[in-house]
Protein backbone atom coordinates (compact mmCIF):
# COMPACT_ATOMS: atom_id res chain seq x y z
CA UNK A 1 57.27 2.36 -28.41
CA UNK A 2 56.14 3.86 -31.20
CA UNK A 3 56.87 0.98 -33.67
CA UNK A 4 54.56 -1.53 -31.05
CA UNK A 5 51.89 1.87 -31.38
CA UNK A 6 52.17 2.62 -35.06
CA UNK A 7 52.30 -1.61 -35.70
CA UNK A 8 48.50 -1.14 -33.73
CA UNK A 9 47.42 1.73 -35.31
CA UNK A 10 47.77 -0.24 -38.85
CA UNK A 11 46.77 -3.28 -37.79
CA UNK A 12 43.48 -2.09 -36.54
CA UNK A 13 43.24 0.58 -39.62
CA UNK A 14 43.53 -2.49 -42.47
CA UNK A 15 41.22 -4.85 -40.25
CA UNK A 16 38.44 -1.37 -40.78
CA UNK A 17 39.44 -1.10 -44.20
CA UNK A 18 39.11 -5.00 -45.40
CA UNK A 19 35.73 -4.68 -43.50
CA UNK A 20 35.03 -1.23 -45.18
CA UNK A 21 36.15 -3.29 -48.53
CA UNK A 22 33.97 -6.12 -47.79
CA UNK A 23 30.71 -3.99 -46.90
CA UNK A 24 31.32 -2.40 -50.42
CA UNK A 25 31.35 -5.88 -52.24
CA UNK A 26 28.62 -7.61 -50.44
CA UNK A 27 25.77 -4.30 -51.01
CA UNK A 28 27.35 -4.24 -54.59
CA UNK A 29 27.53 -7.97 -55.62
CA UNK A 30 25.71 -10.10 -52.96
CA UNK A 31 27.00 -12.24 -50.42
CA UNK A 32 28.46 -14.70 -53.26
CA UNK A 33 31.08 -12.12 -54.47
CA UNK A 34 32.77 -11.87 -51.19
CA UNK A 35 32.98 -15.97 -50.45
CA UNK A 36 33.74 -16.30 -53.93
CA UNK A 37 37.22 -13.47 -53.36
CA UNK A 38 37.94 -15.62 -49.59
CA UNK A 39 38.20 -18.91 -51.27
CA UNK A 40 40.18 -17.59 -54.19
CA UNK A 41 43.10 -16.57 -51.78
CA UNK A 42 42.21 -18.43 -48.40
CA UNK A 43 45.12 -21.15 -49.05
CA UNK A 44 47.14 -18.79 -49.92
CA UNK A 45 46.40 -16.42 -47.07
CA UNK A 46 47.06 -20.22 -45.34
CA UNK A 47 50.03 -20.83 -45.72
CA UNK A 48 51.49 -16.88 -46.69
CA UNK A 49 50.26 -15.75 -42.85
CA UNK A 50 51.77 -18.74 -41.13
CA UNK A 51 55.19 -18.20 -42.77
CA UNK A 52 54.61 -14.47 -41.83
CA UNK A 53 54.86 -15.44 -37.79
CA UNK A 54 56.58 -18.30 -38.17
CA UNK A 55 59.38 -17.33 -40.42
CA UNK A 56 60.00 -13.68 -40.31
CA UNK A 57 57.81 -11.99 -37.01
CA UNK A 58 58.87 -14.53 -34.12
CA UNK A 59 62.55 -15.48 -34.95
CA UNK A 60 62.87 -11.26 -35.40
CA UNK A 61 61.51 -10.87 -31.44
CA UNK A 62 64.07 -14.10 -30.40
CA UNK A 63 61.70 -16.99 -30.97
CA UNK A 64 63.16 -20.09 -33.06
CA UNK A 65 62.31 -23.22 -31.83
CA UNK A 66 58.95 -24.17 -33.28
CA UNK A 67 57.85 -25.49 -29.51
CA UNK A 68 58.57 -21.71 -28.67
CA UNK A 69 56.87 -20.44 -30.91
CA UNK A 70 53.78 -22.57 -30.64
CA UNK A 71 53.84 -21.94 -26.90
CA UNK A 72 54.15 -17.77 -27.93
CA UNK A 73 51.23 -18.10 -30.67
CA UNK A 74 48.80 -19.50 -27.61
CA UNK A 75 50.28 -17.24 -25.11
CA UNK A 76 49.68 -14.19 -28.38
CA UNK A 77 45.84 -16.14 -28.33
CA UNK A 78 45.17 -15.92 -25.19
CA UNK A 79 45.71 -11.94 -24.80
CA UNK A 80 43.69 -11.59 -27.91
CA UNK A 81 40.64 -14.44 -27.45
CA UNK A 82 38.93 -15.80 -24.26
CA UNK A 83 39.42 -19.51 -25.41
CA UNK A 84 38.57 -22.58 -23.26
CA UNK A 85 38.62 -25.81 -24.09
CA UNK A 86 35.22 -27.37 -24.93
CA UNK A 87 34.59 -31.47 -24.98
CA UNK A 88 36.76 -33.65 -25.74
CA UNK A 89 35.34 -36.83 -27.31
CA UNK A 90 35.90 -40.57 -29.12
CA UNK A 91 34.39 -40.95 -32.09
CA UNK A 92 35.80 -44.87 -32.78
CA UNK A 93 39.22 -44.40 -33.28
CA UNK A 94 38.93 -40.89 -33.47
CA UNK A 95 39.86 -37.97 -31.18
CA UNK A 96 37.63 -34.72 -31.64
CA UNK A 97 38.62 -32.03 -29.66
CA UNK A 98 36.52 -28.60 -29.28
CA UNK A 99 38.41 -25.25 -28.90
CA UNK A 100 35.76 -21.94 -28.05
CA UNK A 101 36.86 -18.57 -28.53
CA UNK A 102 33.83 -16.20 -27.02
CA UNK A 103 34.83 -13.02 -27.98
CA UNK A 104 36.99 -12.14 -31.80
CA UNK A 105 37.85 -8.32 -31.98
CA UNK A 106 38.12 -8.51 -35.84
CA UNK A 107 34.35 -10.71 -35.98
CA UNK A 108 33.45 -7.28 -33.89
CA UNK A 109 34.49 -4.80 -36.09
CA UNK A 110 33.11 -6.56 -39.21
CA UNK A 111 29.98 -6.46 -37.18
CA UNK A 112 29.85 -3.05 -36.65
CA UNK A 113 30.64 -1.91 -40.42
CA UNK A 114 27.87 -3.83 -41.67
CA UNK A 115 25.60 -2.18 -39.12
CA UNK A 116 26.87 1.19 -40.44
CA UNK A 117 26.48 0.29 -43.93
CA UNK A 118 22.91 -1.10 -43.25
CA UNK A 119 23.92 -5.33 -43.81
CA UNK A 120 22.96 -7.83 -40.88
CA UNK A 121 25.84 -8.02 -38.57
CA UNK A 122 26.80 -11.44 -39.63
CA UNK A 123 26.86 -10.21 -43.40
CA UNK A 124 30.74 -9.98 -43.54
CA UNK A 125 31.52 -12.61 -41.14
CA UNK A 126 33.23 -14.85 -43.69
CA UNK A 127 35.28 -12.56 -44.89
CA UNK A 128 37.24 -13.31 -41.61
CA UNK A 129 36.05 -16.32 -40.35
CA UNK A 130 37.39 -18.73 -43.24
CA UNK A 131 40.32 -17.34 -42.71
CA UNK A 132 40.95 -17.73 -39.07
CA UNK A 133 39.83 -21.52 -40.10
CA UNK A 134 42.62 -22.01 -42.50
CA UNK A 135 45.44 -19.68 -40.47
CA UNK A 136 44.36 -22.82 -37.50
CA UNK A 137 44.04 -25.56 -40.08
CA UNK A 138 47.54 -24.37 -41.06
CA UNK A 139 49.24 -25.04 -37.61
CA UNK A 140 47.18 -28.29 -37.26
CA UNK A 141 49.05 -29.33 -40.64
CA UNK A 142 52.18 -28.16 -38.82
CA UNK A 143 51.83 -29.35 -35.70
CA UNK A 144 50.25 -32.31 -35.07
CA UNK A 145 52.30 -35.23 -34.62
CA UNK A 146 53.09 -37.13 -37.49
CA UNK A 147 50.88 -40.60 -35.96
CA UNK A 148 47.59 -38.82 -36.35
CA UNK A 149 45.88 -37.07 -39.33
CA UNK A 150 44.57 -34.00 -38.29
CA UNK A 151 41.05 -32.46 -39.79
CA UNK A 152 40.66 -29.03 -38.66
CA UNK A 153 36.99 -27.49 -38.95
CA UNK A 154 34.88 -24.53 -37.82
CA UNK A 155 31.04 -25.17 -36.66
CA UNK A 156 30.06 -22.07 -35.70
CA UNK A 157 31.67 -18.75 -35.66
CA UNK A 158 30.77 -15.04 -34.20
CA UNK A 159 30.78 -13.55 -37.33
CA UNK A 160 28.97 -15.63 -39.01
CA UNK A 161 26.67 -17.48 -36.53
CA UNK A 162 26.55 -14.68 -33.68
CA UNK A 163 27.68 -17.59 -31.11
CA UNK A 164 30.91 -18.22 -29.54
CA UNK A 165 33.44 -19.64 -32.01
CA UNK A 166 33.29 -23.48 -31.87
CA UNK A 167 36.26 -25.32 -33.74
CA UNK A 168 36.74 -28.71 -33.92
CA UNK A 169 40.38 -31.08 -34.31
CA UNK A 170 39.34 -34.47 -35.28
CA UNK A 171 42.82 -36.47 -34.80
CA UNK A 172 42.70 -40.39 -36.54
CA UNK A 173 45.59 -42.82 -36.10
CA UNK A 174 47.90 -43.04 -38.98
CA UNK A 175 50.96 -42.50 -40.74
CA UNK A 176 51.18 -39.07 -41.22
CA UNK A 177 54.17 -38.07 -41.78
CA UNK A 178 54.48 -36.55 -45.50
CA UNK A 179 51.54 -34.39 -44.21
CA UNK A 180 53.75 -32.64 -41.50
CA UNK A 181 56.80 -32.41 -43.67
CA UNK A 182 54.68 -30.91 -46.18
CA UNK A 183 53.35 -28.63 -44.27
CA UNK A 184 56.37 -27.84 -42.41
CA UNK A 185 57.67 -27.15 -46.62
CA UNK A 186 55.71 -24.79 -47.41
CA UNK A 187 55.94 -22.98 -44.58
CA UNK A 188 59.77 -22.95 -43.93
CA UNK A 189 60.42 -24.28 -47.28
CA UNK A 190 62.48 -22.41 -50.14
CA UNK A 191 59.34 -22.08 -52.24
CA UNK A 192 56.41 -19.56 -52.13
CA UNK A 193 53.95 -21.92 -52.84
């Protein structure tokens, strides 16, 4: 139990610390500086967070099979967020699926820190929302079957728009085994690229 409590405390400490640093950056250098800092690190984060979850943390907890890991990840998301499936529609040969998150612990912390620093509530949202988007993108690249080419994007978010998060997954029929293998190599392979 001590380890679990320490983990939660550390997570929240670093979340608040990140929000305070983001607020200081925006206050000193403007919104563009925060966007530049996030954009410079988003792709590295995209793969490192996936390695952390799928290669280090979940196997240490006894979960090894990718299907089990995906199911556990989804259940973990349900435990943190009020998640609902949105509309599913066809546009030509594409299937578009919506995911809606009605709450966000991270966005909430960043909004409070922004307000405490005299900034608009959504001023720091990009510091959370872009990372969330690329985490979702990496997950789609790793898990969507190779008969589809996935494209994943954030349409709106709690942190940036003060509205429920809306993500769209567009699946286009394709022979996309190369994408799937490259994503798996980025996460499960020996290289850290």
